[in-house]
């Protein structure tokens, strides 16, 4: 089976910098996995996601999505994944329905399919009562759910999630995580990054830890915990990355 993501010898340096942000990264994510990517601030995890989603161009190494090199197949690769960025990616003046109609059409869906997906997602995200209200007036949790609905309206095989529950209440966080699990059960591969390590421990079955531009640990979470004699992801994180403060970075 072709991996959902296959990265070989990837290196990346921002223009004007002398130090590499990513250095000889190797990563394989099998289809159907719930894969977490974690690291301190400035470790390079957001840069890695931006490269995988085509937001940043790379010159050193190879990045393939379902066997297709990202840089050479941007258009066809883009239809294979959805992306939930940390920053909201919708139009505040539009309603949830209008936002999903726009992004559904932009993804190439026909009107019938868009209508079907909108009704399904409004119910799944508990947004029926606010379907015709401007998103800009919503609470943080409701906005996160709209952000997620937009990302999955075209039923992607792979979903990238960058801090998908930041700033939301416990109820919204629970609803989002439970929806992601159901999505994964239907076959969608999840690639997730967050500072919510308790949440990550519940969601992810495999992880990679990045620090100082390199992957310093990867594999099934249960095996990594056992190998390092830890019971929680937070304890594993601190052992491998240290307890020093990290400020700034991407």
Foldseek 3Di string as FASTA:
>chain_A
DQFQKFWFQFWADDPPDDAILAGGETDTHHFLFAEEEEEAAALNPVVVVCPQLVVDDGDTTFMDGSRHTCVVPVPVSNLQEFEQAPDQDFDQQFFLLVRLVVLCVVSPDDPVLSVVLSVVLCVLQVNVVRRGPGNNPDDPLSSLSSSVSSRCSSPHQEYEYEASCPPHDPVSLVSVLVVVVVSSVVTRYYYYYDPPQVSCVVRGQWYWYGGSNYTPDTDGPVVLCVVVVHDGPVVSRCVRHHDDHDDHHD
